[in-house]
Amino acid sequence: MNKLLGEKTMTTGIEGYEKFIPLFIESCQALDFQEVCKDFIKFLPSKPANILDAGSGAGQNAAALAKLGFTVTAVEPMQEFLNAAQNTYKDIPVKWLSDSLPHITCLSSDAEQFDFVLIEGVWHHLDEIEREQAVMLLSKIIKKQGKCAISLRNGPAGVGTRVYPTDSIRTVEQFKKHGFECVLSLQNQSSILRHKENVKWSRIVLQKK
């Protein structure tokens, strides 16, 4: 049975979401992992493998990865989203944790634990200092030859109001300083959501050497 651990109050990146909780949950759980993460799928590790979904929202991506046969840990700071994920995907073996980037203190940062980390729709909620801290953490918890897949959003704020511009070149350079190489870089992708014409995405995959 899934277990929710480490419940606590956090604010990083969740500002604004509290006004649209039911709408966000419904819209996110209706998304198709194979469509949203299609650019990342070929970089998934061979099974068995440990995957971290950092900023898992309403849980749809974590659940999809678990259905594919991976051992999945999902970390999300918004308690309402975690509750919805647990309720919707209660029969799917995901480890649901209440925490957030950049530190994810519920994890042991001195152990290489994960073969793959997914950061989908999260990076734009972190400021520059937090991004540097997040990269440092990821360099410690990702195994050698492991990968980190990140979607980078640029455009006007949506439901979440704590939004910062992202830059794929700068992000790649940050990871390179910590022993990663870029194995995928896609730019200027349109949003799959309707009425988001002004939102563009970049997607990158970094592999730890």
N, C-alpha and C. Protein backbone atom coordinates (compact mmCIF):
# COMPACT_ATOMS: atom_id res chain seq x y z
N MET A 1 0.85 -1.20 0.00
CA MET A 1 0.00 0.00 0.00
C MET A 1 0.88 1.24 0.00
N ASN A 2 0.48 2.24 -0.78
CA ASN A 2 1.23 3.48 -0.82
C ASN A 2 1.17 4.18 0.53
N LYS A 3 2.22 4.88 0.86
CA LYS A 3 2.28 5.57 2.14
C LYS A 3 2.76 6.99 1.92
N LEU A 4 2.08 7.95 2.50
CA LEU A 4 2.48 9.35 2.41
C LEU A 4 3.36 9.67 3.59
N LEU A 5 4.57 10.17 3.31
CA LEU A 5 5.56 10.41 4.35
C LEU A 5 5.92 11.87 4.43
N GLY A 6 6.40 12.28 5.61
CA GLY A 6 7.03 13.59 5.76
C GLY A 6 6.11 14.75 5.49
N GLU A 7 4.87 14.71 5.96
CA GLU A 7 3.95 15.80 5.69
C GLU A 7 4.42 17.08 6.39
N LYS A 8 4.50 18.18 5.63
CA LYS A 8 4.91 19.45 6.20
C LYS A 8 4.50 20.56 5.25
N THR A 9 4.56 21.77 5.73
CA THR A 9 4.13 22.91 4.94
C THR A 9 5.32 23.50 4.18
N MET A 10 5.15 23.66 2.86
CA MET A 10 6.19 24.25 2.03
C MET A 10 5.54 25.24 1.07
N THR A 11 6.33 26.16 0.57
CA THR A 11 5.78 27.18 -0.30
C THR A 11 6.48 27.25 -1.64
N THR A 12 7.60 26.63 -1.81
CA THR A 12 8.38 26.80 -3.03
C THR A 12 7.59 26.41 -4.27
N GLY A 13 7.25 27.41 -5.08
CA GLY A 13 6.63 27.16 -6.37
C GLY A 13 5.13 26.93 -6.35
N ILE A 14 4.48 26.87 -5.20
CA ILE A 14 3.06 26.52 -5.18
C ILE A 14 2.15 27.74 -5.12
N GLU A 15 2.72 28.92 -5.04
CA GLU A 15 1.90 30.12 -4.94
C GLU A 15 0.96 30.25 -6.14
N GLY A 16 -0.31 30.48 -5.87
CA GLY A 16 -1.31 30.63 -6.92
C GLY A 16 -2.13 29.39 -7.15
N TYR A 17 -1.53 28.24 -6.94
CA TYR A 17 -2.24 26.99 -7.21
C TYR A 17 -3.42 26.77 -6.26
N GLU A 18 -3.33 27.35 -5.07
CA GLU A 18 -4.38 27.12 -4.08
C GLU A 18 -5.74 27.64 -4.54
N LYS A 19 -5.75 28.54 -5.52
CA LYS A 19 -7.01 29.10 -6.01
C LYS A 19 -7.68 28.22 -7.06
N PHE A 20 -6.94 27.24 -7.57
CA PHE A 20 -7.46 26.44 -8.69
C PHE A 20 -7.24 24.95 -8.48
N ILE A 21 -7.32 24.50 -7.26
CA ILE A 21 -6.97 23.12 -6.94
C ILE A 21 -7.79 22.10 -7.73
N PRO A 22 -9.13 22.13 -7.69
CA PRO A 22 -9.89 21.12 -8.44
C PRO A 22 -9.64 21.16 -9.94
N LEU A 23 -9.57 22.37 -10.51
CA LEU A 23 -9.33 22.52 -11.94
C LEU A 23 -7.97 21.96 -12.33
N PHE A 24 -6.94 22.27 -11.53
CA PHE A 24 -5.60 21.79 -11.83
C PHE A 24 -5.55 20.27 -11.78
N ILE A 25 -6.14 19.69 -10.75
CA ILE A 25 -6.12 18.23 -10.61
C ILE A 25 -6.81 17.57 -11.79
N GLU A 26 -7.99 18.07 -12.13
CA GLU A 26 -8.74 17.47 -13.23
C GLU A 26 -7.99 17.58 -14.56
N SER A 27 -7.45 18.76 -14.85
CA SER A 27 -6.77 18.96 -16.13
C SER A 27 -5.48 18.16 -16.22
N CYS A 28 -4.75 18.06 -15.11
CA CYS A 28 -3.48 17.33 -15.14
C CYS A 28 -3.70 15.82 -15.26
N GLN A 29 -4.67 15.30 -14.52
CA GLN A 29 -4.89 13.86 -14.56
C GLN A 29 -5.51 13.41 -15.88
N ALA A 30 -5.99 14.38 -16.68
CA ALA A 30 -6.50 14.06 -18.01
C ALA A 30 -5.40 14.02 -19.06
N LEU A 31 -4.20 14.48 -18.71
CA LEU A 31 -3.10 14.51 -19.66
C LEU A 31 -2.54 13.11 -19.90
N ASP A 32 -2.06 12.90 -21.10
CA ASP A 32 -1.48 11.61 -21.50
C ASP A 32 0.04 11.69 -21.38
N PHE A 33 0.62 10.85 -20.51
CA PHE A 33 2.07 10.83 -20.33
C PHE A 33 2.80 10.63 -21.65
N GLN A 34 2.27 9.76 -22.50
CA GLN A 34 2.94 9.46 -23.77
C GLN A 34 2.99 10.68 -24.68
N GLU A 35 2.08 11.62 -24.49
CA GLU A 35 2.09 12.85 -25.28
C GLU A 35 2.93 13.92 -24.60
N VAL A 36 2.70 14.14 -23.31
CA VAL A 36 3.40 15.20 -22.59
C VAL A 36 4.90 14.95 -22.56
N CYS A 37 5.29 13.71 -22.34
CA CYS A 37 6.71 13.37 -22.17
C CYS A 37 7.27 12.58 -23.34
N LYS A 38 6.67 12.74 -24.51
CA LYS A 38 7.07 11.92 -25.66
C LYS A 38 8.55 12.09 -26.01
N ASP A 39 9.10 13.28 -25.79
CA ASP A 39 10.50 13.52 -26.13
C ASP A 39 11.46 12.85 -25.15
N PHE A 40 10.95 12.50 -23.98
CA PHE A 40 11.80 11.93 -22.93
C PHE A 40 11.75 10.40 -22.91
N ILE A 41 10.75 9.81 -23.52
CA ILE A 41 10.51 8.38 -23.36
C ILE A 41 11.70 7.53 -23.81
N LYS A 42 12.33 7.90 -24.91
CA LYS A 42 13.44 7.07 -25.41
C LYS A 42 14.67 7.14 -24.51
N PHE A 43 14.67 8.07 -23.55
CA PHE A 43 15.79 8.19 -22.62
C PHE A 43 15.54 7.48 -21.30
N LEU A 44 14.36 6.87 -21.15
CA LEU A 44 14.08 6.14 -19.93
C LEU A 44 15.05 4.96 -19.78
N PRO A 45 15.45 4.64 -18.56
CA PRO A 45 16.43 3.57 -18.36
C PRO A 45 15.81 2.19 -18.57
N SER A 46 16.69 1.21 -18.67
CA SER A 46 16.24 -0.18 -18.72
C SER A 46 15.73 -0.58 -17.35
N LYS A 47 14.75 -1.44 -17.33
CA LYS A 47 14.20 -1.92 -16.06
C LYS A 47 14.98 -3.14 -15.57
N PRO A 48 15.10 -3.28 -14.24
CA PRO A 48 14.53 -2.43 -13.18
C PRO A 48 15.33 -1.14 -13.01
N ALA A 49 14.67 -0.09 -12.61
CA ALA A 49 15.34 1.19 -12.42
C ALA A 49 14.51 2.04 -11.46
N ASN A 50 15.20 2.94 -10.78
CA ASN A 50 14.55 3.86 -9.84
C ASN A 50 14.37 5.22 -10.49
N ILE A 51 13.16 5.74 -10.44
CA ILE A 51 12.84 7.02 -11.07
C ILE A 51 12.26 7.96 -10.02
N LEU A 52 12.68 9.21 -10.08
CA LEU A 52 12.15 10.27 -9.23
C LEU A 52 11.36 11.24 -10.09
N ASP A 53 10.11 11.48 -9.72
CA ASP A 53 9.29 12.53 -10.33
C ASP A 53 9.29 13.70 -9.35
N ALA A 54 10.10 14.71 -9.65
CA ALA A 54 10.30 15.84 -8.74
C ALA A 54 9.34 16.96 -9.09
N GLY A 55 8.32 17.15 -8.24
CA GLY A 55 7.26 18.09 -8.53
C GLY A 55 6.17 17.36 -9.29
N SER A 56 5.61 16.34 -8.66
CA SER A 56 4.76 15.38 -9.36
C SER A 56 3.32 15.85 -9.55
N GLY A 57 2.96 17.01 -8.97
CA GLY A 57 1.62 17.54 -9.19
C GLY A 57 0.54 16.57 -8.77
N ALA A 58 -0.41 16.32 -9.66
CA ALA A 58 -1.53 15.43 -9.36
C ALA A 58 -1.21 13.97 -9.61
N GLY A 59 0.04 13.66 -9.94
CA GLY A 59 0.52 12.29 -9.93
C GLY A 59 0.42 11.50 -11.21
N GLN A 60 -0.06 12.10 -12.29
CA GLN A 60 -0.31 11.32 -13.50
C GLN A 60 0.97 10.76 -14.13
N ASN A 61 2.06 11.53 -14.12
CA ASN A 61 3.30 11.03 -14.71
C ASN A 61 3.93 9.94 -13.87
N ALA A 62 3.92 10.12 -12.55
CA ALA A 62 4.46 9.10 -11.66
C ALA A 62 3.70 7.80 -11.82
N ALA A 63 2.38 7.89 -11.89
CA ALA A 63 1.57 6.68 -12.06
C ALA A 63 1.86 5.99 -13.39
N ALA A 64 2.02 6.78 -14.45
CA ALA A 64 2.31 6.20 -15.76
C ALA A 64 3.66 5.49 -15.76
N LEU A 65 4.64 6.08 -15.11
CA LEU A 65 5.97 5.45 -15.04
C LEU A 65 5.92 4.16 -14.23
N ALA A 66 5.16 4.17 -13.15
CA ALA A 66 5.02 2.95 -12.35
C ALA A 66 4.32 1.86 -13.15
N LYS A 67 3.33 2.23 -13.95
CA LYS A 67 2.64 1.25 -14.80
C LYS A 67 3.60 0.63 -15.82
N LEU A 68 4.62 1.38 -16.21
CA LEU A 68 5.61 0.86 -17.16
C LEU A 68 6.57 -0.11 -16.49
N GLY A 69 6.51 -0.21 -15.16
CA GLY A 69 7.33 -1.18 -14.45
C GLY A 69 8.51 -0.61 -13.70
N PHE A 70 8.59 0.71 -13.60
CA PHE A 70 9.68 1.33 -12.86
C PHE A 70 9.33 1.46 -11.38
N THR A 71 10.36 1.55 -10.55
CA THR A 71 10.18 1.87 -9.14
C THR A 71 10.18 3.39 -9.03
N VAL A 72 9.06 3.97 -8.61
CA VAL A 72 8.86 5.42 -8.72
C VAL A 72 8.69 6.06 -7.35
N THR A 73 9.44 7.14 -7.15
CA THR A 73 9.26 8.03 -6.01
C THR A 73 8.73 9.36 -6.55
N ALA A 74 7.64 9.84 -5.98
CA ALA A 74 7.05 11.10 -6.42
C ALA A 74 7.10 12.10 -5.27
N VAL A 75 7.62 13.28 -5.56
CA VAL A 75 7.76 14.34 -4.56
C VAL A 75 6.95 15.55 -4.99
N GLU A 76 6.09 16.03 -4.09
CA GLU A 76 5.21 17.16 -4.42
C GLU A 76 4.95 17.98 -3.16
N PRO A 77 5.08 19.32 -3.24
CA PRO A 77 4.89 20.16 -2.05
C PRO A 77 3.43 20.50 -1.74
N MET A 78 2.53 20.39 -2.72
CA MET A 78 1.14 20.80 -2.50
C MET A 78 0.35 19.61 -1.98
N GLN A 79 -0.07 19.71 -0.72
CA GLN A 79 -0.70 18.56 -0.08
C GLN A 79 -1.98 18.12 -0.79
N GLU A 80 -2.75 19.06 -1.30
CA GLU A 80 -3.98 18.71 -1.99
C GLU A 80 -3.71 17.89 -3.25
N PHE A 81 -2.62 18.20 -3.94
CA PHE A 81 -2.27 17.44 -5.13
C PHE A 81 -1.80 16.04 -4.75
N LEU A 82 -1.02 15.94 -3.67
CA LEU A 82 -0.59 14.63 -3.20
C LEU A 82 -1.78 13.77 -2.81
N ASN A 83 -2.72 14.36 -2.10
CA ASN A 83 -3.90 13.61 -1.69
C ASN A 83 -4.67 13.09 -2.90
N ALA A 84 -4.80 13.96 -3.90
CA ALA A 84 -5.52 13.56 -5.12
C ALA A 84 -4.78 12.43 -5.83
N ALA A 85 -3.46 12.53 -5.88
CA ALA A 85 -2.66 11.48 -6.53
C ALA A 85 -2.84 10.15 -5.82
N GLN A 86 -2.74 10.18 -4.51
CA GLN A 86 -2.91 8.94 -3.74
C GLN A 86 -4.30 8.33 -3.92
N ASN A 87 -5.31 9.17 -3.95
CA ASN A 87 -6.67 8.68 -4.08
C ASN A 87 -6.93 8.12 -5.48
N THR A 88 -6.45 8.82 -6.49
CA THR A 88 -6.71 8.41 -7.87
C THR A 88 -5.90 7.17 -8.24
N TYR A 89 -4.65 7.12 -7.77
CA TYR A 89 -3.74 6.05 -8.18
C TYR A 89 -3.41 5.12 -7.02
N LYS A 90 -4.38 4.90 -6.15
CA LYS A 90 -4.13 4.14 -4.92
C LYS A 90 -3.70 2.70 -5.18
N ASP A 91 -4.03 2.15 -6.33
CA ASP A 91 -3.67 0.77 -6.64
C ASP A 91 -2.36 0.66 -7.42
N ILE A 92 -1.69 1.79 -7.60
CA ILE A 92 -0.42 1.81 -8.34
C ILE A 92 0.72 2.03 -7.36
N PRO A 93 1.77 1.20 -7.41
CA PRO A 93 2.85 1.28 -6.42
C PRO A 93 3.80 2.45 -6.64
N VAL A 94 3.42 3.61 -6.10
CA VAL A 94 4.26 4.81 -6.13
C VAL A 94 4.54 5.22 -4.69
N LYS A 95 5.75 5.64 -4.41
CA LYS A 95 6.09 6.18 -3.09
C LYS A 95 5.86 7.68 -3.14
N TRP A 96 4.82 8.15 -2.45
CA TRP A 96 4.43 9.56 -2.48
C TRP A 96 5.06 10.28 -1.30
N LEU A 97 5.80 11.36 -1.57
CA LEU A 97 6.48 12.12 -0.52
C LEU A 97 6.12 13.60 -0.61
N SER A 98 5.99 14.22 0.54
CA SER A 98 5.69 15.64 0.61
C SER A 98 6.99 16.42 0.80
N ASP A 99 7.43 17.05 -0.26
CA ASP A 99 8.68 17.82 -0.22
C ASP A 99 8.81 18.57 -1.53
N SER A 100 9.91 19.29 -1.73
CA SER A 100 10.06 20.06 -2.96
C SER A 100 11.52 20.33 -3.28
N LEU A 101 11.76 20.58 -4.57
CA LEU A 101 13.03 21.17 -4.96
C LEU A 101 13.11 22.57 -4.36
N PRO A 102 14.31 23.07 -4.06
CA PRO A 102 15.60 22.54 -4.51
C PRO A 102 16.28 21.53 -3.58
N HIS A 103 15.75 21.30 -2.39
CA HIS A 103 16.50 20.50 -1.42
C HIS A 103 16.00 19.07 -1.26
N ILE A 104 14.71 18.83 -1.33
CA ILE A 104 14.10 17.52 -1.11
C ILE A 104 14.77 16.84 0.09
N THR A 105 14.56 17.40 1.24
CA THR A 105 15.26 16.96 2.45
C THR A 105 14.82 15.57 2.91
N CYS A 106 13.70 15.06 2.39
CA CYS A 106 13.27 13.72 2.78
C CYS A 106 14.11 12.64 2.13
N LEU A 107 14.94 13.02 1.16
CA LEU A 107 15.83 12.06 0.51
C LEU A 107 17.23 12.20 1.09
N SER A 108 17.96 11.12 1.07
CA SER A 108 19.36 11.17 1.47
C SER A 108 20.18 11.71 0.32
N SER A 109 20.75 12.90 0.50
CA SER A 109 21.47 13.56 -0.60
C SER A 109 22.89 13.05 -0.78
N ASP A 110 23.33 12.13 0.08
CA ASP A 110 24.69 11.62 -0.06
C ASP A 110 24.72 10.24 -0.71
N ALA A 111 23.59 9.85 -1.32
CA ALA A 111 23.53 8.54 -1.95
C ALA A 111 23.00 8.67 -3.38
N GLU A 112 23.67 7.99 -4.31
CA GLU A 112 23.20 7.97 -5.70
C GLU A 112 22.05 6.97 -5.77
N GLN A 113 20.84 7.48 -5.86
CA GLN A 113 19.66 6.63 -5.72
C GLN A 113 18.89 6.40 -7.01
N PHE A 114 18.97 7.36 -7.94
CA PHE A 114 18.03 7.33 -9.06
C PHE A 114 18.74 7.17 -10.40
N ASP A 115 18.10 6.36 -11.26
CA ASP A 115 18.58 6.18 -12.63
C ASP A 115 18.03 7.26 -13.55
N PHE A 116 16.93 7.87 -13.15
CA PHE A 116 16.26 8.87 -13.99
C PHE A 116 15.45 9.80 -13.10
N VAL A 117 15.54 11.10 -13.39
CA VAL A 117 14.74 12.09 -12.67
C VAL A 117 13.94 12.88 -13.70
N LEU A 118 12.64 12.97 -13.48
CA LEU A 118 11.76 13.76 -14.32
C LEU A 118 11.38 15.04 -13.59
N ILE A 119 11.60 16.19 -14.26
CA ILE A 119 11.21 17.49 -13.71
C ILE A 119 10.34 18.16 -14.77
N GLU A 120 9.06 17.92 -14.68
CA GLU A 120 8.11 18.35 -15.71
C GLU A 120 7.27 19.52 -15.19
N GLY A 121 7.45 20.69 -15.81
CA GLY A 121 6.64 21.85 -15.45
C GLY A 121 6.96 22.42 -14.08
N VAL A 122 8.22 22.38 -13.70
CA VAL A 122 8.62 22.79 -12.35
C VAL A 122 9.71 23.86 -12.36
N TRP A 123 10.66 23.74 -13.28
CA TRP A 123 11.88 24.55 -13.24
C TRP A 123 11.58 26.05 -13.24
N HIS A 124 10.53 26.47 -13.91
CA HIS A 124 10.21 27.91 -13.98
C HIS A 124 9.70 28.47 -12.66
N HIS A 125 9.41 27.59 -11.69
CA HIS A 125 9.01 28.05 -10.37
C HIS A 125 10.19 28.29 -9.44
N LEU A 126 11.39 27.95 -9.88
CA LEU A 126 12.59 28.13 -9.06
C LEU A 126 13.35 29.36 -9.53
N ASP A 127 13.86 30.15 -8.58
CA ASP A 127 14.70 31.28 -8.97
C ASP A 127 16.12 30.78 -9.22
N GLU A 128 17.02 31.68 -9.60
CA GLU A 128 18.37 31.27 -10.00
C GLU A 128 19.13 30.57 -8.88
N ILE A 129 19.02 31.09 -7.67
CA ILE A 129 19.71 30.47 -6.55
C ILE A 129 19.16 29.07 -6.30
N GLU A 130 17.85 28.93 -6.35
CA GLU A 130 17.23 27.62 -6.12
C GLU A 130 17.60 26.64 -7.23
N ARG A 131 17.74 27.11 -8.44
CA ARG A 131 18.14 26.22 -9.53
C ARG A 131 19.55 25.70 -9.32
N GLU A 132 20.45 26.56 -8.88
CA GLU A 132 21.81 26.12 -8.58
C GLU A 132 21.79 25.07 -7.48
N GLN A 133 20.99 25.31 -6.45
CA GLN A 133 20.88 24.35 -5.36
C GLN A 133 20.29 23.04 -5.84
N ALA A 134 19.31 23.12 -6.72
CA ALA A 134 18.68 21.91 -7.25
C ALA A 134 19.66 21.09 -8.07
N VAL A 135 20.47 21.75 -8.88
CA VAL A 135 21.46 21.02 -9.69
C VAL A 135 22.46 20.32 -8.79
N MET A 136 22.88 20.98 -7.74
CA MET A 136 23.80 20.36 -6.79
C MET A 136 23.18 19.10 -6.18
N LEU A 137 21.93 19.19 -5.78
CA LEU A 137 21.25 18.03 -5.22
C LEU A 137 21.17 16.91 -6.26
N LEU A 138 20.75 17.24 -7.46
CA LEU A 138 20.59 16.23 -8.50
C LEU A 138 21.90 15.53 -8.82
N SER A 139 23.00 16.27 -8.76
CA SER A 139 24.31 15.66 -9.03
C SER A 139 24.67 14.61 -7.99
N LYS A 140 24.06 14.71 -6.82
CA LYS A 140 24.35 13.76 -5.74
C LYS A 140 23.42 12.55 -5.75
N ILE A 141 22.17 12.75 -6.16
CA ILE A 141 21.21 11.65 -6.04
C ILE A 141 21.01 10.87 -7.34
N ILE A 142 21.57 11.35 -8.44
CA ILE A 142 21.48 10.62 -9.71
C ILE A 142 22.72 9.73 -9.86
N LYS A 143 22.49 8.49 -10.26
CA LYS A 143 23.58 7.54 -10.44
C LYS A 143 24.43 7.91 -11.65
N LYS A 144 25.64 7.43 -11.70
CA LYS A 144 26.48 7.62 -12.88
C LYS A 144 25.79 7.00 -14.09
N GLN A 145 25.81 7.71 -15.18
CA GLN A 145 25.12 7.37 -16.43
C GLN A 145 23.60 7.57 -16.31
N GLY A 146 23.14 8.02 -15.15
CA GLY A 146 21.72 8.34 -14.99
C GLY A 146 21.37 9.63 -15.69
N LYS A 147 20.09 9.87 -15.87
CA LYS A 147 19.64 11.02 -16.65
C LYS A 147 18.63 11.85 -15.88
N CYS A 148 18.59 13.13 -16.25
CA CYS A 148 17.61 14.08 -15.71
C CYS A 148 16.92 14.75 -16.90
N ALA A 149 15.61 14.62 -16.97
CA ALA A 149 14.82 15.21 -18.05
C ALA A 149 14.04 16.39 -17.50
N ILE A 150 14.20 17.56 -18.13
CA ILE A 150 13.58 18.78 -17.62
C ILE A 150 12.83 19.50 -18.73
N SER A 151 11.61 19.93 -18.43
CA SER A 151 10.88 20.81 -19.33
C SER A 151 11.02 22.23 -18.81
N LEU A 152 11.29 23.15 -19.72
CA LEU A 152 11.53 24.55 -19.37
C LEU A 152 10.44 25.41 -20.00
N ARG A 153 9.69 26.09 -19.15
CA ARG A 153 8.56 26.90 -19.61
C ARG A 153 8.93 28.37 -19.70
N ASN A 154 8.48 29.01 -20.76
CA ASN A 154 8.60 30.46 -20.89
C ASN A 154 7.28 31.03 -21.39
N GLY A 155 6.83 32.09 -20.74
CA GLY A 155 5.57 32.71 -21.12
C GLY A 155 4.90 33.31 -19.90
N PRO A 156 3.75 33.94 -20.10
CA PRO A 156 3.04 34.57 -18.96
C PRO A 156 2.63 33.53 -17.94
N ALA A 157 2.54 33.97 -16.69
CA ALA A 157 2.15 33.07 -15.61
C ALA A 157 0.77 32.49 -15.86
N GLY A 158 0.60 31.25 -15.45
CA GLY A 158 -0.70 30.61 -15.55
C GLY A 158 -1.31 30.48 -14.17
N VAL A 159 -1.66 29.24 -13.80
CA VAL A 159 -2.22 29.01 -12.47
C VAL A 159 -1.19 29.34 -11.40
N GLY A 160 0.04 28.88 -11.59
CA GLY A 160 1.11 29.20 -10.66
C GLY A 160 1.62 30.61 -10.91
N THR A 161 1.73 31.41 -9.84
CA THR A 161 2.09 32.82 -10.00
C THR A 161 3.56 33.09 -9.68
N ARG A 162 4.27 32.13 -9.13
CA ARG A 162 5.70 32.31 -8.85
C ARG A 162 6.47 31.76 -10.04
N VAL A 163 6.74 32.63 -11.01
CA VAL A 163 7.27 32.21 -12.29
C VAL A 163 8.50 33.03 -12.66
N TYR A 164 9.53 32.34 -13.12
CA TYR A 164 10.76 33.00 -13.56
C TYR A 164 11.11 32.52 -14.97
N PRO A 165 11.73 33.38 -15.78
CA PRO A 165 12.16 32.96 -17.12
C PRO A 165 13.16 31.80 -17.03
N THR A 166 13.14 30.96 -18.04
CA THR A 166 14.11 29.86 -18.11
C THR A 166 14.96 30.00 -19.36
N ASP A 167 16.11 29.38 -19.32
CA ASP A 167 17.05 29.44 -20.44
C ASP A 167 17.73 28.08 -20.55
N SER A 168 17.50 27.40 -21.65
CA SER A 168 18.04 26.05 -21.78
C SER A 168 19.56 26.04 -21.83
N ILE A 169 20.17 27.04 -22.48
CA ILE A 169 21.63 27.08 -22.57
C ILE A 169 22.24 27.25 -21.18
N ARG A 170 21.68 28.16 -20.42
CA ARG A 170 22.18 28.37 -19.06
C ARG A 170 21.97 27.13 -18.20
N THR A 171 20.82 26.50 -18.35
CA THR A 171 20.54 25.30 -17.56
C THR A 171 21.53 24.19 -17.89
N VAL A 172 21.80 23.99 -19.16
CA VAL A 172 22.78 22.98 -19.56
C VAL A 172 24.15 23.29 -18.97
N GLU A 173 24.54 24.56 -18.98
CA GLU A 173 25.84 24.95 -18.42
C GLU A 173 25.88 24.69 -16.92
N GLN A 174 24.79 24.94 -16.23
CA GLN A 174 24.74 24.66 -14.79
C GLN A 174 24.99 23.18 -14.53
N PHE A 175 24.37 22.32 -15.31
CA PHE A 175 24.54 20.88 -15.13
C PHE A 175 25.94 20.43 -15.54
N LYS A 176 26.49 21.04 -16.57
CA LYS A 176 27.84 20.66 -17.01
C LYS A 176 28.86 20.88 -15.91
N LYS A 177 28.68 21.93 -15.11
CA LYS A 177 29.60 22.21 -14.01
C LYS A 177 29.58 21.11 -12.96
N HIS A 178 28.54 20.31 -12.97
CA HIS A 178 28.40 19.25 -11.98
C HIS A 178 28.48 17.86 -12.60
N GLY A 179 29.14 17.78 -13.76
CA GLY A 179 29.45 16.47 -14.33
C GLY A 179 28.41 15.87 -15.24
N PHE A 180 27.54 16.69 -15.83
CA PHE A 180 26.53 16.19 -16.76
C PHE A 180 26.85 16.63 -18.18
N GLU A 181 26.34 15.88 -19.14
CA GLU A 181 26.40 16.29 -20.53
C GLU A 181 24.98 16.30 -21.10
N CYS A 182 24.74 17.19 -22.03
CA CYS A 182 23.42 17.31 -22.63
C CYS A 182 23.27 16.29 -23.76
N VAL A 183 22.22 15.48 -23.70
CA VAL A 183 21.99 14.48 -24.73
C VAL A 183 20.71 14.77 -25.52
N LEU A 184 19.96 15.78 -25.11
CA LEU A 184 18.79 16.23 -25.87
C LEU A 184 18.54 17.69 -25.57
N SER A 185 18.27 18.47 -26.60
CA SER A 185 17.90 19.87 -26.42
C SER A 185 16.93 20.25 -27.53
N LEU A 186 15.68 20.47 -27.15
CA LEU A 186 14.63 20.88 -28.09
C LEU A 186 14.11 22.24 -27.67
N GLN A 187 13.93 23.13 -28.64
CA GLN A 187 13.60 24.51 -28.34
C GLN A 187 12.24 24.91 -28.90
N ASN A 188 11.65 25.91 -28.26
CA ASN A 188 10.50 26.63 -28.81
C ASN A 188 9.34 25.71 -29.20
N GLN A 189 9.01 24.81 -28.31
CA GLN A 189 7.88 23.91 -28.56
C GLN A 189 6.59 24.53 -28.06
N SER A 190 5.52 24.30 -28.79
CA SER A 190 4.21 24.84 -28.41
C SER A 190 3.62 24.03 -27.27
N SER A 191 2.76 24.66 -26.49
CA SER A 191 2.06 23.98 -25.42
C SER A 191 1.03 23.02 -26.00
N ILE A 192 0.81 21.89 -25.33
CA ILE A 192 -0.23 20.96 -25.77
C ILE A 192 -1.60 21.38 -25.25
N LEU A 193 -1.63 22.39 -24.38
CA LEU A 193 -2.88 22.87 -23.82
C LEU A 193 -3.48 23.97 -24.70
N ARG A 194 -4.79 23.98 -24.79
CA ARG A 194 -5.47 25.03 -25.55
C ARG A 194 -5.32 26.38 -24.84
N HIS A 195 -5.40 27.43 -25.61
CA HIS A 195 -5.36 28.80 -25.09
C HIS A 195 -4.01 29.12 -24.42
N LYS A 196 -2.95 28.44 -24.83
CA LYS A 196 -1.61 28.72 -24.29
C LYS A 196 -0.65 29.07 -25.42
N GLU A 197 -1.16 29.86 -26.38
CA GLU A 197 -0.35 30.20 -27.56
C GLU A 197 0.90 30.98 -27.19
N ASN A 198 0.86 31.71 -26.07
CA ASN A 198 2.01 32.52 -25.67
C ASN A 198 3.01 31.78 -24.79
N VAL A 199 2.75 30.51 -24.55
CA VAL A 199 3.65 29.69 -23.74
C VAL A 199 4.46 28.78 -24.66
N LYS A 200 5.77 28.81 -24.49
CA LYS A 200 6.67 27.95 -25.25
C LYS A 200 7.52 27.12 -24.29
N TRP A 201 7.89 25.93 -24.75
CA TRP A 201 8.65 25.01 -23.93
C TRP A 201 9.95 24.61 -24.60
N SER A 202 10.96 24.42 -23.80
CA SER A 202 12.18 23.74 -24.23
C SER A 202 12.29 22.47 -23.40
N ARG A 203 12.89 21.45 -23.98
CA ARG A 203 13.05 20.19 -23.25
C ARG A 203 14.48 19.71 -23.39
N ILE A 204 15.08 19.39 -22.26
CA ILE A 204 16.47 18.95 -22.27
C ILE A 204 16.61 17.67 -21.44
N VAL A 205 17.59 16.88 -21.82
CA VAL A 205 17.95 15.70 -21.04
C VAL A 205 19.43 15.77 -20.76
N LEU A 206 19.80 15.65 -19.50
CA LEU A 206 21.20 15.69 -19.06
C LEU A 206 21.59 14.32 -18.53
N GLN A 207 22.77 13.85 -18.93
CA GLN A 207 23.25 12.55 -18.45
C GLN A 207 24.51 12.75 -17.60
N LYS A 208 24.51 12.08 -16.45
CA LYS A 208 25.66 12.19 -15.55
C LYS A 208 26.78 11.29 -16.05
N LYS A 209 27.96 11.89 -16.17
CA LYS A 209 29.11 11.14 -16.69
C LYS A 209 29.63 10.17 -15.64
